[in-house]
C-alpha atoms as a PDB file:
ATOM      1  CA  MET A   1      -5.432   9.371  -6.961  1.00  0.00           C
ATOM      2  CA  PRO A   2      -6.956   6.088  -5.723  1.00  0.00           C
ATOM      3  CA  VAL A   3      -5.238   2.958  -7.058  1.00  0.00           C
ATOM      4  CA  ALA A   4      -8.388   1.686  -8.808  1.00  0.00           C
ATOM      5  CA  HIS A   5      -8.846   5.008 -10.620  1.00  0.00           C
ATOM      6  CA  ALA A   6      -5.178   5.112 -11.613  1.00  0.00           C
ATOM      7  CA  ARG A   7      -5.358   1.613 -13.101  1.00  0.00           C
ATOM      8  CA  GLN A   8      -8.542   2.458 -14.985  1.00  0.00           C
ATOM      9  CA  LEU A   9      -6.923   5.592 -16.412  1.00  0.00           C
ATOM     10  CA  ALA A  10      -3.853   3.589 -17.478  1.00  0.00           C
ATOM     11  CA  SER A  11      -6.095   1.097 -19.308  1.00  0.00           C
ATOM     12  CA  HIS A  12      -7.872   3.856 -21.214  1.00  0.00           C
ATOM     13  CA  LEU A  13      -4.538   5.457 -22.118  1.00  0.00           C
ATOM     14  CA  THR A  14      -3.331   2.106 -23.481  1.00  0.00           C
ATOM     15  CA  VAL A  15      -6.200   1.920 -25.954  1.00  0.00           C
ATOM     16  CA  ALA A  16      -5.916   5.595 -26.865  1.00  0.00           C
ATOM     17  CA  ALA A  17      -2.194   5.277 -27.475  1.00  0.00           C
ATOM     18  CA  LEU A  18      -2.574   2.196 -29.658  1.00  0.00           C
ATOM     19  CA  LEU A  19      -5.281   3.845 -31.726  1.00  0.00           C
ATOM     20  CA  LEU A  20      -3.037   6.865 -32.106  1.00  0.00           C
ATOM     21  CA  ALA A  21      -0.119   4.705 -33.188  1.00  0.00           C
ATOM     22  CA  VAL A  22      -2.097   2.985 -35.948  1.00  0.00           C
ATOM     23  CA  ALA A  23      -3.897   6.120 -37.121  1.00  0.00           C
ATOM     24  CA  THR A  24      -3.276   7.490 -40.641  1.00  0.00           C
ATOM     25  CA  THR A  25      -0.193   9.692 -40.683  1.00  0.00           C
ATOM     26  CA  PRO A  26       1.705  11.648 -43.336  1.00  0.00           C
ATOM     27  CA  ALA A  27       3.804   9.592 -45.729  1.00  0.00           C
ATOM     28  CA  ALA A  28       7.033  10.912 -44.249  1.00  0.00           C
ATOM     29  CA  ALA A  29       6.065   9.689 -40.804  1.00  0.00           C
ATOM     30  CA  GLN A  30       5.000   6.322 -42.177  1.00  0.00           C
ATOM     31  CA  ALA A  31       8.271   5.924 -44.023  1.00  0.00           C
ATOM     32  CA  SER A  32      10.192   6.489 -40.780  1.00  0.00           C
ATOM     33  CA  GLY A  33       8.176   3.894 -38.868  1.00  0.00           C
ATOM     34  CA  ASP A  34       5.513   6.228 -37.414  1.00  0.00           C
ATOM     35  CA  VAL A  35       8.120   7.793 -35.146  1.00  0.00           C
ATOM     36  CA  VAL A  36       5.998  10.780 -34.095  1.00  0.00           C
ATOM     37  CA  PRO A  37       2.787   8.962 -33.095  1.00  0.00           C
ATOM     38  CA  ARG A  38       4.679   6.152 -31.377  1.00  0.00           C
ATOM     39  CA  GLU A  39       6.711   8.618 -29.342  1.00  0.00           C
ATOM     40  CA  LEU A  40       3.554  10.483 -28.360  1.00  0.00           C
ATOM     41  CA  ALA A  41       1.840   7.209 -27.448  1.00  0.00           C
ATOM     42  CA  VAL A  42       4.732   6.145 -25.219  1.00  0.00           C
ATOM     43  CA  ALA A  43       4.649   9.559 -23.553  1.00  0.00           C
ATOM     44  CA  LEU A  44       0.921   9.162 -22.848  1.00  0.00           C
ATOM     45  CA  LEU A  45       1.586   5.750 -21.308  1.00  0.00           C
ATOM     46  CA  GLY A  46       4.204   7.119 -18.936  1.00  0.00           C
ATOM     47  CA  GLY A  47       7.350   6.041 -20.784  1.00  0.00           C
ATOM     48  CA  GLY A  48      10.489   7.959 -21.523  1.00  0.00           C
ATOM     49  CA  PRO A  49      13.630   8.841 -19.558  1.00  0.00           C
ATOM     50  CA  SER A  50      11.794  10.323 -16.559  1.00  0.00           C
ATOM     51  CA  SER A  51      10.001   7.030 -15.890  1.00  0.00           C
ATOM     52  CA  GLY A  52      12.952   4.715 -16.030  1.00  0.00           C
ATOM     53  CA  GLY A  53      14.220   4.963 -19.566  1.00  0.00           C
ATOM     54  CA  SER A  54      12.829   4.405 -23.032  1.00  0.00           C
ATOM     55  CA  GLY A  55      12.301   0.740 -22.211  1.00  0.00           C
ATOM     56  CA  ALA A  56       9.886   1.442 -19.340  1.00  0.00           C
ATOM     57  CA  VAL A  57       6.944   1.015 -21.719  1.00  0.00           C
ATOM     58  CA  GLN A  58       6.978  -1.302 -24.720  1.00  0.00           C
ATOM     59  CA  LEU A  59       4.185  -0.459 -27.154  1.00  0.00           C
ATOM     60  CA  ARG A  60       3.362  -3.092 -29.792  1.00  0.00           C
ATOM     61  CA  VAL A  61       0.856  -2.294 -32.530  1.00  0.00           C
ATOM     62  CA  GLY A  62      -1.041  -5.331 -33.799  1.00  0.00           C
ATOM     63  CA  GLU A  63       0.876  -7.667 -31.467  1.00  0.00           C
ATOM     64  CA  ALA A  64       0.053  -9.298 -28.145  1.00  0.00           C
ATOM     65  CA  ALA A  65       2.257  -8.741 -25.123  1.00  0.00           C
ATOM     66  CA  PRO A  66       5.082 -11.267 -24.641  1.00  0.00           C
ATOM     67  CA  GLY A  67       4.064 -14.098 -22.352  1.00  0.00           C
ATOM     68  CA  LEU A  68       0.343 -13.796 -23.034  1.00  0.00           C
ATOM     69  CA  PRO A  69      -0.992 -17.293 -23.745  1.00  0.00           C
ATOM     70  CA  ALA A  70      -2.300 -17.719 -27.275  1.00  0.00           C
ATOM     71  CA  THR A  71      -5.361 -19.453 -25.875  1.00  0.00           C
ATOM     72  CA  ALA A  72      -6.501 -16.140 -24.378  1.00  0.00           C
ATOM     73  CA  LEU A  73      -6.684 -14.453 -27.778  1.00  0.00           C
ATOM     74  CA  PRO A  74      -9.947 -14.817 -29.743  1.00  0.00           C
ATOM     75  CA  HIS A  75      -9.457 -15.919 -33.354  1.00  0.00           C
ATOM     76  CA  ASP A  76     -12.244 -13.682 -34.655  1.00  0.00           C
ATOM     77  CA  GLY A  77     -11.057 -10.400 -33.167  1.00  0.00           C
ATOM     78  CA  LEU A  78      -9.013  -7.411 -34.304  1.00  0.00           C
ATOM     79  CA  LEU A  79      -5.820  -7.321 -32.232  1.00  0.00           C
ATOM     80  CA  LEU A  80      -5.127  -3.626 -31.635  1.00  0.00           C
ATOM     81  CA  GLY A  81      -1.889  -4.263 -29.802  1.00  0.00           C
ATOM     82  CA  SER A  82      -0.378  -4.178 -26.349  1.00  0.00           C
ATOM     83  CA  ALA A  83       1.557  -2.149 -23.811  1.00  0.00           C
ATOM     84  CA  SER A  84       4.136  -3.845 -21.601  1.00  0.00           C
ATOM     85  CA  TYR A  85       5.480  -2.492 -18.328  1.00  0.00           C
ATOM     86  CA  PRO A  86       7.948  -4.068 -15.897  1.00  0.00           C
ATOM     87  CA  GLY A  87       6.109  -7.055 -14.448  1.00  0.00           C
ATOM     88  CA  ARG A  88       2.780  -6.493 -16.196  1.00  0.00           C
ATOM     89  CA  SER A  89       1.121  -5.892 -19.556  1.00  0.00           C
ATOM     90  CA  GLU A  90      -2.195  -5.177 -21.219  1.00  0.00           C
ATOM     91  CA  THR A  91      -3.339  -6.499 -24.593  1.00  0.00           C
ATOM     92  CA  VAL A  92      -6.478  -5.132 -26.270  1.00  0.00           C
ATOM     93  CA  VAL A  93      -8.709  -6.812 -28.857  1.00  0.00           C
ATOM     94  CA  VAL A  94     -11.908  -5.623 -30.580  1.00  0.00           C
ATOM     95  CA  LEU A  95     -14.651  -8.134 -31.445  1.00  0.00           C
ATOM     96  CA  VAL A  96     -18.073  -8.056 -33.111  1.00  0.00           C
ATOM     97  CA  ARG A  97     -19.766  -9.978 -30.303  1.00  0.00           C
ATOM     98  CA  ARG A  98     -21.619  -9.220 -27.088  1.00  0.00           C
ATOM     99  CA  PRO A  99     -19.411  -8.548 -24.026  1.00  0.00           C
ATOM    100  CA  ASP A 100     -20.826 -11.492 -22.069  1.00  0.00           C
ATOM    101  CA  GLU A 101     -20.161 -13.868 -24.980  1.00  0.00           C
ATOM    102  CA  VAL A 102     -16.587 -12.637 -25.359  1.00  0.00           C
ATOM    103  CA  LEU A 103     -15.807 -12.988 -21.651  1.00  0.00           C
ATOM    104  CA  ALA A 104     -17.417 -16.442 -21.399  1.00  0.00           C
ATOM    105  CA  ALA A 105     -15.426 -17.708 -24.387  1.00  0.00           C
ATOM    106  CA  VAL A 106     -12.100 -16.434 -23.003  1.00  0.00           C
ATOM    107  CA  GLU A 107     -12.769 -17.915 -19.569  1.00  0.00           C
ATOM    108  CA  GLN A 108     -13.673 -21.267 -21.110  1.00  0.00           C
ATOM    109  CA  ARG A 109     -10.467 -21.395 -23.167  1.00  0.00           C
ATOM    110  CA  LEU A 110      -8.330 -20.487 -20.170  1.00  0.00           C
ATOM    111  CA  THR A 111      -9.994 -23.118 -18.009  1.00  0.00           C
ATOM    112  CA  THR A 112      -9.488 -25.766 -20.690  1.00  0.00           C
ATOM    113  CA  ALA A 113      -5.814 -24.804 -20.938  1.00  0.00           C
ATOM    114  CA  GLY A 114      -5.273 -25.399 -17.225  1.00  0.00           C
ATOM    115  CA  TRP A 115      -5.670 -21.896 -15.812  1.00  0.00           C
ATOM    116  CA  THR A 116      -7.445 -21.823 -12.445  1.00  0.00           C
ATOM    117  CA  ARG A 117      -9.272 -19.244 -10.363  1.00  0.00           C
ATOM    118  CA  PRO A 118      -7.325 -17.588  -7.519  1.00  0.00           C
ATOM    119  CA  PRO A 119      -7.795 -19.489  -4.261  1.00  0.00           C
ATOM    120  CA  GLU A 120     -10.410 -18.190  -1.848  1.00  0.00           C
ATOM    121  CA  ARG A 121      -8.525 -16.446   0.898  1.00  0.00           C
ATOM    122  CA  ARG A 122      -9.087 -14.110   3.797  1.00  0.00           C
ATOM    123  CA  ASP A 123      -5.506 -13.179   4.504  1.00  0.00           C
ATOM    124  CA  GLY A 124      -3.455 -10.323   3.123  1.00  0.00           C
ATOM    125  CA  PRO A 125      -0.229  -8.462   3.801  1.00  0.00           C
ATOM    126  CA  PHE A 126      -1.903  -6.916   6.863  1.00  0.00           C
ATOM    127  CA  GLY A 127      -3.766  -9.939   8.146  1.00  0.00           C
ATOM    128  CA  ASP A 128      -7.330 -10.993   7.520  1.00  0.00           C
ATOM    129  CA  GLN A 129      -8.780  -8.428   5.116  1.00  0.00           C
ATOM    130  CA  ARG A 130     -12.305  -9.620   5.903  1.00  0.00           C
ATOM    131  CA  ARG A 131     -12.020  -8.865   9.620  1.00  0.00           C
ATOM    132  CA  GLY A 132     -14.442  -6.251  10.870  1.00  0.00           C
ATOM    133  CA  PHE A 133     -17.104  -4.966   8.493  1.00  0.00           C
ATOM    134  CA  VAL A 134     -16.910  -7.026   5.296  1.00  0.00           C
ATOM    135  CA  SER A 135     -17.438  -4.806   2.240  1.00  0.00           C
ATOM    136  CA  THR A 136     -19.875  -5.906  -0.436  1.00  0.00           C
ATOM    137  CA  PRO A 137     -18.275  -6.644  -3.827  1.00  0.00           C
ATOM    138  CA  VAL A 138     -18.243  -3.752  -6.302  1.00  0.00           C
ATOM    139  CA  GLY A 139     -19.335  -4.807  -9.786  1.00  0.00           C
ATOM    140  CA  GLY A 140     -19.268  -8.325 -11.203  1.00  0.00           C
ATOM    141  CA  GLN A 141     -15.748  -8.393 -12.569  1.00  0.00           C
ATOM    142  CA  ALA A 142     -14.089 -11.788 -12.757  1.00  0.00           C
ATOM    143  CA  PRO A 143     -11.207 -12.248 -10.282  1.00  0.00           C
ATOM    144  CA  GLY A 144      -8.907 -13.561 -12.988  1.00  0.00           C
ATOM    145  CA  PHE A 145      -6.971 -16.775 -13.541  1.00  0.00           C
ATOM    146  CA  CYS A 146      -3.695 -18.210 -12.276  1.00  0.00           C
ATOM    147  CA  HIS A 147      -1.126 -20.388 -14.026  1.00  0.00           C
ATOM    148  CA  GLU A 148       2.444 -21.019 -12.927  1.00  0.00           C
ATOM    149  CA  LYS A 149       3.810 -17.512 -12.215  1.00  0.00           C
ATOM    150  CA  ASN A 150       1.135 -15.506 -14.048  1.00  0.00           C
ATOM    151  CA  HIS A 151      -2.124 -13.829 -13.077  1.00  0.00           C
ATOM    152  CA  LEU A 152      -4.412 -13.033 -16.037  1.00  0.00           C
ATOM    153  CA  VAL A 153      -7.559 -10.907 -15.732  1.00  0.00           C
ATOM    154  CA  PRO A 154      -9.851 -10.569 -18.801  1.00  0.00           C
ATOM    155  CA  ARG A 155     -12.172  -7.564 -18.840  1.00  0.00           C
ATOM    156  CA  VAL A 156     -14.734  -6.480 -21.405  1.00  0.00           C
ATOM    157  CA  GLU A 157     -16.545  -3.251 -22.215  1.00  0.00           C
ATOM    158  CA  ARG A 158     -18.795  -1.935 -24.946  1.00  0.00           C
ATOM    159  CA  TRP A 159     -16.930  -0.342 -27.841  1.00  0.00           C
ATOM    160  CA  SER A 160     -17.907   1.812 -30.815  1.00  0.00           C
ATOM    161  CA  GLY A 161     -20.127   0.430 -33.573  1.00  0.00           C
ATOM    162  CA  GLY A 162     -21.775  -2.103 -31.288  1.00  0.00           C
ATOM    163  CA  ARG A 163     -18.498  -3.970 -30.820  1.00  0.00           C
ATOM    164  CA  THR A 164     -16.757  -5.227 -27.682  1.00  0.00           C
ATOM    165  CA  LEU A 165     -13.318  -4.288 -26.378  1.00  0.00           C
ATOM    166  CA  LEU A 166     -11.464  -7.098 -24.609  1.00  0.00           C
ATOM    167  CA  ARG A 167      -8.662  -6.156 -22.229  1.00  0.00           C
ATOM    168  CA  LEU A 168      -6.237  -8.863 -21.117  1.00  0.00           C
ATOM    169  CA  HIS A 169      -4.234  -7.830 -18.043  1.00  0.00           C
ATOM    170  CA  LEU A 170      -1.245 -10.112 -17.426  1.00  0.00           C
ATOM    171  CA  THR A 171       0.807  -9.781 -14.238  1.00  0.00           C
ATOM    172  CA  ARG A 172       3.743 -11.730 -12.930  1.00  0.00           C
ATOM    173  CA  ILE A 173       2.772 -13.174  -9.550  1.00  0.00           C
ATOM    174  CA  ARG A 174       4.127 -11.113  -6.675  1.00  0.00           C
ATOM    175  CA  GLU A 175       4.218 -11.913  -2.961  1.00  0.00           C
ATOM    176  CA  TYR A 176       0.738 -10.514  -2.365  1.00  0.00           C
ATOM    177  CA  SER A 177      -0.848 -11.456  -5.679  1.00  0.00           C
ATOM    178  CA  PRO A 178      -4.312 -13.086  -5.530  1.00  0.00           C
ATOM    179  CA  CYS A 179      -2.558 -16.195  -6.849  1.00  0.00           C
ATOM    180  CA  SER A 180       0.206 -16.371  -4.243  1.00  0.00           C
ATOM    181  CA  PRO A 181      -0.012 -18.279  -0.961  1.00  0.00           C
ATOM    182  CA  PRO A 182      -0.140 -16.364   2.329  1.00  0.00           C
ATOM    183  CA  SER A 183       3.244 -15.156   3.502  1.00  0.00           C
ATOM    184  CA  ALA A 184       4.584 -16.031   6.939  1.00  0.00           C
ATOM    185  CA  MET A 185       4.072 -12.421   8.010  1.00  0.00           C
ATOM    186  CA  ALA A 186       0.432 -12.468   6.939  1.00  0.00           C
ATOM    187  CA  ARG A 187      -0.203 -15.717   8.815  1.00  0.00           C
ATOM    188  CA  ALA A 188       1.414 -14.376  11.969  1.00  0.00           C
ATOM    189  CA  PHE A 189      -0.591 -11.168  11.855  1.00  0.00           C
ATOM    190  CA  THR A 190      -3.814 -13.081  11.239  1.00  0.00           C
ATOM    191  CA  GLU A 191      -3.245 -15.160  14.363  1.00  0.00           C
ATOM    192  CA  ALA A 192      -2.545 -12.061  16.455  1.00  0.00           C
ATOM    193  CA  ASP A 193      -5.588 -10.311  15.004  1.00  0.00           C
ATOM    194  CA  SER A 194      -7.980 -13.238  15.466  1.00  0.00           C
ATOM    195  CA  ILE A 195      -9.905 -11.470  18.230  1.00  0.00           C
ATOM    196  CA  SER A 196     -11.505  -9.156  15.631  1.00  0.00           C
ATOM    197  CA  PRO A 197     -14.887 -10.527  14.487  1.00  0.00           C
ATOM    198  CA  ILE A 198     -15.917 -11.023  10.868  1.00  0.00           C
ATOM    199  CA  LEU A 199     -19.127  -9.047  10.269  1.00  0.00           C
ATOM    200  CA  GLU A 200     -20.817 -10.075   7.023  1.00  0.00           C
ATOM    201  CA  PRO A 201     -23.059  -7.484   5.284  1.00  0.00           C
ATOM    202  CA  PRO A 202     -26.864  -7.647   5.431  1.00  0.00           C
ATOM    203  CA  SER A 203     -28.593  -9.048   2.359  1.00  0.00           C
ATOM    204  CA  GLY A 204     -29.473  -6.365  -0.177  1.00  0.00           C
ATOM    205  CA  SER A 205     -27.235  -3.756   1.461  1.00  0.00           C
ATOM    206  CA  ARG A 206     -24.051  -2.043   0.330  1.00  0.00           C
ATOM    207  CA  VAL A 207     -21.205  -1.936   2.828  1.00  0.00           C
ATOM    208  CA  GLN A 208     -18.003  -0.033   2.199  1.00  0.00           C
ATOM    209  CA  GLY A 209     -15.274  -0.320   4.808  1.00  0.00           C
ATOM    210  CA  MET A 210     -13.965   3.178   5.504  1.00  0.00           C
ATOM    211  CA  SER A 211     -10.952   2.556   7.728  1.00  0.00           C
ATOM    212  CA  SER A 212      -9.326   0.043  10.018  1.00  0.00           C
ATOM    213  CA  GLY A 213      -6.420   0.349  12.367  1.00  0.00           C
ATOM    214  CA  GLY A 214      -5.048  -0.253  15.812  1.00  0.00           C
ATOM    215  CA  GLY A 215      -2.192  -1.688  17.799  1.00  0.00           C
ATOM    216  CA  GLY A 216      -1.397  -4.600  20.048  1.00  0.00           C
ATOM    217  CA  ASP A 217      -4.149  -3.888  22.559  1.00  0.00           C
ATOM    218  CA  HIS A 218      -6.837  -2.151  20.506  1.00  0.00           C
ATOM    219  CA  ARG A 219      -8.632  -2.213  17.142  1.00  0.00           C
ATOM    220  CA  GLN A 220     -10.884   0.304  15.385  1.00  0.00           C
ATOM    221  CA  MET A 221     -13.043  -0.328  12.295  1.00  0.00           C
ATOM    222  CA  GLN A 222     -15.595   1.831  10.479  1.00  0.00           C
ATOM    223  CA  ALA A 223     -18.012   1.329   7.588  1.00  0.00           C
ATOM    224  CA  ASP A 224     -20.429   3.272   5.404  1.00  0.00           C
ATOM    225  CA  ILE A 225     -23.641   1.227   4.982  1.00  0.00           C
ATOM    226  CA  THR A 226     -26.471   1.825   2.525  1.00  0.00           C
ATOM    227  CA  THR A 227     -29.396  -0.295   3.691  1.00  0.00           C
ATOM    228  CA  ALA A 228     -33.144  -0.427   4.237  1.00  0.00           C
ATOM    229  CA  LEU A 229     -32.539  -1.645   7.800  1.00  0.00           C
ATOM    230  CA  ASP A 230     -32.978   0.869  10.600  1.00  0.00           C
ATOM    231  CA  VAL A 231     -30.484   1.334  13.423  1.00  0.00           C
ATOM    232  CA  ALA A 232     -32.004  -1.336  15.673  1.00  0.00           C
ATOM    233  CA  GLN A 233     -32.225  -3.899  12.863  1.00  0.00           C
ATOM    234  CA  LEU A 234     -28.634  -3.278  11.778  1.00  0.00           C
ATOM    235  CA  LEU A 235     -27.399  -3.645  15.353  1.00  0.00           C
ATOM    236  CA  ALA A 236     -29.324  -6.907  15.655  1.00  0.00           C
ATOM    237  CA  HIS A 237     -27.808  -8.175  12.387  1.00  0.00           C
ATOM    238  CA  TYR A 238     -24.220  -7.538  13.439  1.00  0.00           C
ATOM    239  CA  GLY A 239     -24.869  -8.400  17.090  1.00  0.00           C
ATOM    240  CA  ALA A 240     -26.019 -11.900  16.144  1.00  0.00           C
ATOM    241  CA  GLN A 241     -22.690 -12.467  14.387  1.00  0.00           C
ATOM    242  CA  MET A 242     -20.770 -11.180  17.412  1.00  0.00           C
ATOM    243  CA  ALA A 243     -22.561 -13.738  19.581  1.00  0.00           C
ATOM    244  CA  GLU A 244     -21.879 -16.549  17.096  1.00  0.00           C
ATOM    245  CA  GLN A 245     -18.163 -15.768  17.272  1.00  0.00           C
ATOM    246  CA  GLY A 246     -17.936 -16.062  21.044  1.00  0.00           C
ATOM    247  CA  TRP A 247     -18.700 -12.527  22.167  1.00  0.00           C
ATOM    248  CA  ALA A 248     -21.036 -11.996  25.141  1.00  0.00           C
ATOM    249  CA  LYS A 249     -23.243  -8.910  25.224  1.00  0.00           C
ATOM    250  CA  VAL A 250     -22.815  -6.806  28.349  1.00  0.00           C
ATOM    251  CA  ALA A 251     -25.145  -3.871  27.674  1.00  0.00           C
ATOM    252  CA  GLU A 252     -27.181  -2.195  24.931  1.00  0.00           C
ATOM    253  CA  ALA A 253     -28.705   1.249  24.433  1.00  0.00           C
ATOM    254  CA  ALA A 254     -30.622   2.387  21.353  1.00  0.00           C
ATOM    255  CA  ARG A 255     -32.642   5.307  20.057  1.00  0.00           C
ATOM    256  CA  PRO A 256     -34.121   5.754  16.572  1.00  0.00           C
ATOM    257  CA  ALA A 257     -31.029   7.510  15.201  1.00  0.00           C
ATOM    258  CA  VAL A 258     -28.234   5.860  17.196  1.00  0.00           C
ATOM    259  CA  GLY A 259     -27.572   2.581  18.956  1.00  0.00           C
ATOM    260  CA  THR A 260     -24.673   1.010  20.853  1.00  0.00           C
ATOM    261  CA  GLN A 261     -23.842  -2.447  22.143  1.00  0.00           C
ATOM    262  CA  LEU A 262     -21.061  -3.401  24.582  1.00  0.00           C
ATOM    263  CA  TRP A 263     -19.507  -6.871  24.256  1.00  0.00           C
ATOM    264  CA  ARG A 264     -16.779  -8.888  26.002  1.00  0.00           C
ATOM    265  CA  ARG A 265     -14.704 -11.952  25.114  1.00  0.00           C
ATOM    266  CA  LEU A 266     -11.565 -13.829  26.163  1.00  0.00           C
ATOM    267  CA  ASP A 267      -8.866 -14.357  23.547  1.00  0.00           C
ATOM    268  CA  ALA A 268      -6.826 -17.549  23.074  1.00  0.00           C
ATOM    269  CA  GLU A 269      -4.433 -16.492  25.851  1.00  0.00           C
ATOM    270  CA  GLY A 270      -7.208 -15.763  28.334  1.00  0.00           C
ATOM    271  CA  GLN A 271      -6.968 -11.975  27.982  1.00  0.00           C
ATOM    272  CA  LEU A 272     -10.235 -10.065  28.339  1.00  0.00           C
ATOM    273  CA  TRP A 273     -11.337  -7.866  25.423  1.00  0.00           C
ATOM    274  CA  PHE A 274     -14.214  -5.380  25.206  1.00  0.00           C
ATOM    275  CA  ALA A 275     -15.961  -4.333  21.989  1.00  0.00           C
ATOM    276  CA  THR A 276     -18.251  -1.363  21.380  1.00  0.00           C
ATOM    277  CA  LEU A 277     -20.499  -1.673  18.322  1.00  0.00           C
ATOM    278  CA  THR A 278     -22.205   1.570  17.290  1.00  0.00           C
ATOM    279  CA  VAL A 279     -24.613   2.418  14.452  1.00  0.00           C
ATOM    280  CA  VAL A 280     -25.658   5.990  13.621  1.00  0.00           C
ATOM    281  CA  ASP A 281     -28.047   7.400  11.015  1.00  0.00           C
ATOM    282  CA  GLN A 282     -26.303   9.486   8.355  1.00  0.00           C
ATOM    283  CA  PRO A 283     -27.528  13.104   8.098  1.00  0.00           C
ATOM    284  CA  ASN A 284     -28.838  12.642   4.547  1.00  0.00           C
ATOM    285  CA  GLY A 285     -31.006   9.735   5.662  1.00  0.00           C
ATOM    286  CA  THR A 286     -29.787   7.307   2.959  1.00  0.00           C
ATOM    287  CA  GLY A 287     -27.479   5.187   5.061  1.00  0.00           C
ATOM    288  CA  ARG A 288     -25.832   4.372   8.360  1.00  0.00           C
ATOM    289  CA  ASP A 289     -22.356   4.818   9.791  1.00  0.00           C
ATOM    290  CA  ALA A 290     -21.093   1.853  11.780  1.00  0.00           C
ATOM    291  CA  SER A 291     -18.050   1.525  13.999  1.00  0.00           C
ATOM    292  CA  LEU A 292     -16.469  -1.226  16.051  1.00  0.00           C
ATOM    293  CA  LEU A 293     -13.959  -0.384  18.778  1.00  0.00           C
ATOM    294  CA  LEU A 294     -12.039  -3.177  20.509  1.00  0.00           C
ATOM    295  CA  HIS A 295      -9.653  -2.853  23.422  1.00  0.00           C
ATOM    296  CA  ARG A 296      -7.942  -5.298  25.713  1.00  0.00           C
ATOM    297  CA  ASP A 297      -8.536  -5.006  29.437  1.00  0.00           C
ATOM    298  CA  ARG A 298      -5.485  -3.903  31.383  1.00  0.00           C
END
């Protein structure tokens, strides 16, 4: 299961489990501290002996997760509760306000309290994550806020009865958190990978990077592009950026459904590199497949 889908499923299970834990139960269960629904809720959230012991998930009904700043909690909301995992937590609150109003208010309070946006960065654990075909952002979700050793991401969604559900994701900063500085390994890899161009997406188009890989003397990048531009226009768009970044065009061949450009460039050590940029119409006619192959001359 993709990581994004797994995280989304975990968030939904958090809310479902909390609602289950506070639901009306028989008097016997209530007298014993809602043992049955709490146990079921923890099971839904992935707790229990098989996932690291009964302490793997800490479910709190009507309470925020430990470490969550009070300034992030709206005063006019219903605090459903929270679920805490090792190194991270999620707190959920229901409010009778529009989602945009809720999010704006939380962001304002965090900013006033000294929380800051994650720094703009291009590096990552595997070098510059914007090298090659730069993907267009998916959705308009806020990137979160940083403070000391915490990364907090508020998210909102429409809830029942015209209300808004606020999710507050709190994570302890790890080595590759959006809030952490580049590691020495990431900087080293970025320098070694600097020959790869940065190809920004065309305006009004959707670009999704499909894969990227390679070794010391070659690189390969691919992208799925939904755009109104035809093959020749898309080649011209990316080709202009290749030229701006020091690449010299050697040859070009294009037909209505496929086009290719051959480029060359010297790296910082004087080594000659070749790049082949190719754009192909997709069979369904709604997009283009693009690829960039780089190899060092031997």
